[in-house]
Amino acid sequence: DVTAVDLTEDVKRLTTGNGDEIEARAVVLAMGSEYRRLGLPDEDRLSGFGVSWCATCDGAFFRNRSVAVIGGGDSAMEEATFLTKFADTVFLVHRSDSFRASPAMLQRAKDDPKIQFITGATVSGILGADTVAGVTLDMTDGSTRTLDVEGLFRSEEHTSELQSRLHLVC
């Protein structure tokens, strides 16, 4: 693994985890991204058992079920809309009343009768012993709500710390 890079000179320098240095005139950076986790205690335990980060990968497993998609951007709208091909109901849960999604993506989701919006809510817990059986929502009015779902999708991604720093350097 590359642990440090120096891209400031004509000859680029890469340092690996064991301390080796590699020099090259050109470097292709392909770090990818990671899924943005909610940070809930049962998230990793139930990953693959109802918690998913990829609607196109796992959507068919939720045929005729209720699922929740967390987020308010284009990715969340796209995942929610895609999941309506399989799920009976898709709850789109967002922490505020305004969305980062483009107007077209937001309208497409609002026009789909299978998508129900829950705003002013954050997921505070995942219910279920062996599989997802629901989520606990903390509402902005101070109340708590339980949402009966069998799937939980967190669609937002973020770049790694190294990738973020490299964008600033390049």
Protein backbone atom coordinates (compact mmCIF):
# COMPACT_ATOMS: atom_id res chain seq x y z
CA ASP A 1 0.00 0.00 0.00
CA VAL A 2 1.17 3.49 -0.77
CA THR A 3 1.25 5.56 2.41
CA ALA A 4 2.74 8.85 1.16
CA VAL A 5 3.13 10.65 -2.16
CA ASP A 6 5.15 13.61 -3.39
CA LEU A 7 3.73 14.90 -6.66
CA THR A 8 5.44 18.30 -6.64
CA GLU A 9 8.43 17.49 -8.90
CA ASP A 10 8.70 16.13 -12.45
CA VAL A 11 9.72 12.77 -10.96
CA LYS A 12 6.97 11.71 -8.56
CA ARG A 13 7.83 9.82 -5.36
CA LEU A 14 5.66 7.21 -3.68
CA THR A 15 6.42 5.66 -0.30
CA THR A 16 5.00 2.25 0.57
CA GLY A 17 3.96 0.94 3.96
CA ASN A 18 7.26 -0.91 4.41
CA GLY A 19 9.30 2.22 3.61
CA ASP A 20 10.24 1.49 -0.01
CA GLU A 21 10.30 4.47 -2.35
CA ILE A 22 9.09 4.30 -5.93
CA GLU A 23 9.87 7.00 -8.50
CA ALA A 24 7.88 7.61 -11.67
CA ARG A 25 7.28 10.37 -14.19
CA ALA A 26 3.51 9.69 -14.12
CA VAL A 27 1.24 8.35 -11.41
CA VAL A 28 -2.37 7.21 -11.78
CA LEU A 29 -4.33 7.68 -8.56
CA ALA A 30 -7.23 5.25 -8.09
CA MET A 31 -8.27 5.22 -4.44
CA GLY A 32 -12.01 4.82 -4.87
CA SER A 33 -14.42 5.69 -2.12
CA GLU A 34 -15.87 4.18 1.02
CA TYR A 35 -19.40 3.84 2.20
CA ARG A 36 -20.48 6.45 4.71
CA ARG A 37 -21.58 4.51 7.74
CA LEU A 38 -24.16 5.73 10.22
CA GLY A 39 -21.94 4.72 13.14
CA LEU A 40 -24.60 2.62 14.84
CA PRO A 41 -23.65 -0.35 17.05
CA ASP A 42 -25.53 -2.97 15.00
CA GLU A 43 -24.62 -1.62 11.57
CA ASP A 44 -21.63 -3.89 10.96
CA ARG A 45 -23.25 -6.88 12.67
CA LEU A 46 -26.28 -6.70 10.36
CA SER A 47 -24.34 -5.83 7.21
CA GLY A 48 -25.49 -8.38 4.64
CA PHE A 49 -28.49 -9.25 6.81
CA GLY A 50 -30.63 -6.25 5.92
CA VAL A 51 -28.06 -3.44 6.11
CA SER A 52 -26.78 -2.60 2.65
CA TRP A 53 -24.91 0.14 0.84
CA CYS A 54 -25.85 -0.88 -2.70
CA ALA A 55 -29.42 -0.97 -3.99
CA THR A 56 -28.41 -2.32 -7.40
CA CYS A 57 -26.44 -5.12 -5.72
CA ASP A 58 -28.98 -6.12 -3.07
CA GLY A 59 -32.35 -4.70 -4.13
CA ALA A 60 -33.74 -7.99 -5.43
CA PHE A 61 -33.38 -9.52 -1.96
CA PHE A 62 -36.08 -7.12 -0.73
CA ARG A 63 -38.89 -8.08 -3.11
CA ASN A 64 -42.30 -7.33 -1.55
CA ARG A 65 -40.74 -5.87 1.61
CA SER A 66 -40.39 -2.46 3.21
CA VAL A 67 -37.00 -0.77 3.21
CA ALA A 68 -35.51 2.54 4.32
CA VAL A 69 -33.03 4.67 2.41
CA ILE A 70 -31.07 7.21 4.42
CA GLY A 71 -29.98 10.47 2.80
CA GLY A 72 -31.10 13.53 0.91
CA GLY A 73 -28.83 13.73 -2.12
CA ASP A 74 -29.00 12.43 -5.67
CA SER A 75 -27.61 9.03 -4.61
CA ALA A 76 -30.40 8.53 -2.07
CA MET A 77 -33.09 9.54 -4.58
CA GLU A 78 -31.63 7.22 -7.21
CA GLU A 79 -31.39 4.29 -4.79
CA ALA A 80 -34.92 4.86 -3.48
CA THR A 81 -36.35 5.05 -7.00
CA PHE A 82 -34.46 1.90 -8.04
CA LEU A 83 -35.66 -0.03 -4.98
CA THR A 84 -39.31 0.56 -5.95
CA LYS A 85 -38.79 -2.13 -8.62
CA PHE A 86 -38.64 -4.66 -5.80
CA ALA A 87 -39.84 -3.30 -2.46
CA ASP A 88 -43.49 -2.64 -1.59
CA THR A 89 -42.61 0.53 0.30
CA VAL A 90 -39.45 2.62 0.34
CA PHE A 91 -39.11 5.09 3.21
CA LEU A 92 -36.69 7.89 2.40
CA VAL A 93 -35.39 9.18 5.74
CA HIS A 94 -33.65 12.55 5.87
CA ARG A 95 -32.52 14.70 8.79
CA SER A 96 -33.96 17.97 7.46
CA ASP A 97 -36.83 19.23 5.33
CA SER A 98 -34.53 20.41 2.52
CA PHE A 99 -32.65 18.13 0.16
CA ARG A 100 -29.29 18.30 -1.63
CA ALA A 101 -30.68 16.29 -4.55
CA SER A 102 -31.15 17.96 -7.91
CA PRO A 103 -34.72 19.16 -8.55
CA ALA A 104 -35.23 16.51 -11.25
CA MET A 105 -34.09 13.61 -9.04
CA LEU A 106 -36.14 14.87 -6.09
CA GLN A 107 -39.27 15.25 -8.23
CA ARG A 108 -38.87 11.75 -9.67
CA ALA A 109 -38.77 10.33 -6.14
CA LYS A 110 -41.73 12.45 -5.00
CA ASP A 111 -43.77 11.29 -8.00
CA ASP A 112 -43.26 7.60 -7.16
CA PRO A 113 -46.20 6.31 -5.09
CA LYS A 114 -44.04 3.64 -3.43
CA ILE A 115 -41.70 6.22 -1.84
CA GLN A 116 -42.70 7.80 1.46
CA PHE A 117 -40.63 10.71 2.78
CA ILE A 118 -39.79 10.98 6.47
CA THR A 119 -38.03 14.26 7.17
CA GLY A 120 -36.64 15.69 10.37
CA ALA A 121 -35.44 12.26 11.42
CA THR A 122 -32.15 10.51 12.12
CA VAL A 123 -31.64 6.79 12.55
CA SER A 124 -30.54 6.13 16.12
CA GLY A 125 -30.81 2.35 16.20
CA ILE A 126 -31.21 -0.77 14.08
CA LEU A 127 -33.60 -3.41 15.40
CA GLY A 128 -33.32 -7.15 14.88
CA ALA A 129 -31.45 -10.13 16.28
CA ASP A 130 -30.37 -11.91 13.08
CA THR A 131 -31.77 -9.63 10.39
CA VAL A 132 -33.01 -6.06 10.22
CA ALA A 133 -36.52 -5.87 11.72
CA GLY A 134 -36.81 -2.10 11.94
CA VAL A 135 -35.08 1.14 12.80
CA THR A 136 -35.46 3.65 15.58
CA LEU A 137 -35.81 7.24 14.45
CA ASP A 138 -35.09 10.30 16.56
CA MET A 139 -37.35 13.09 15.34
CA THR A 140 -36.43 16.77 15.46
CA ASP A 141 -39.46 17.43 17.70
CA GLY A 142 -37.83 15.26 20.39
CA SER A 143 -40.01 12.21 19.87
CA THR A 144 -38.85 8.71 18.94
CA ARG A 145 -40.44 6.59 16.25
CA THR A 146 -40.02 2.96 15.24
CA LEU A 147 -40.12 2.21 11.54
CA ASP A 148 -40.85 -1.41 10.57
CA VAL A 149 -38.48 -2.21 7.69
CA GLU A 150 -36.51 -5.27 6.65
CA GLY A 151 -33.81 -3.39 4.80
CA LEU A 152 -31.69 -0.33 5.51
CA PHE A 153 -29.74 1.35 2.70
CA ARG A 154 -27.16 4.06 3.23
CA SER A 155 -26.28 5.23 -0.25
CA GLU A 156 -23.94 8.15 0.33
CA GLU A 157 -20.22 7.63 -0.29
CA HIS A 158 -17.26 9.70 0.68
CA THR A 159 -13.68 9.83 -0.42
CA SER A 160 -10.87 8.57 1.75
CA GLU A 161 -8.77 11.05 3.74
CA LEU A 162 -5.80 10.43 1.42
CA GLN A 163 -7.93 10.98 -1.66
CA SER A 164 -9.29 14.23 -0.24
CA ARG A 165 -5.78 15.47 0.48
CA LEU A 166 -4.57 14.48 -3.00
CA HIS A 167 -7.33 16.48 -4.64
CA LEU A 168 -5.98 19.52 -2.83
CA VAL A 169 -2.41 18.80 -3.99
CA CYS A 170 -3.10 18.08 -7.65
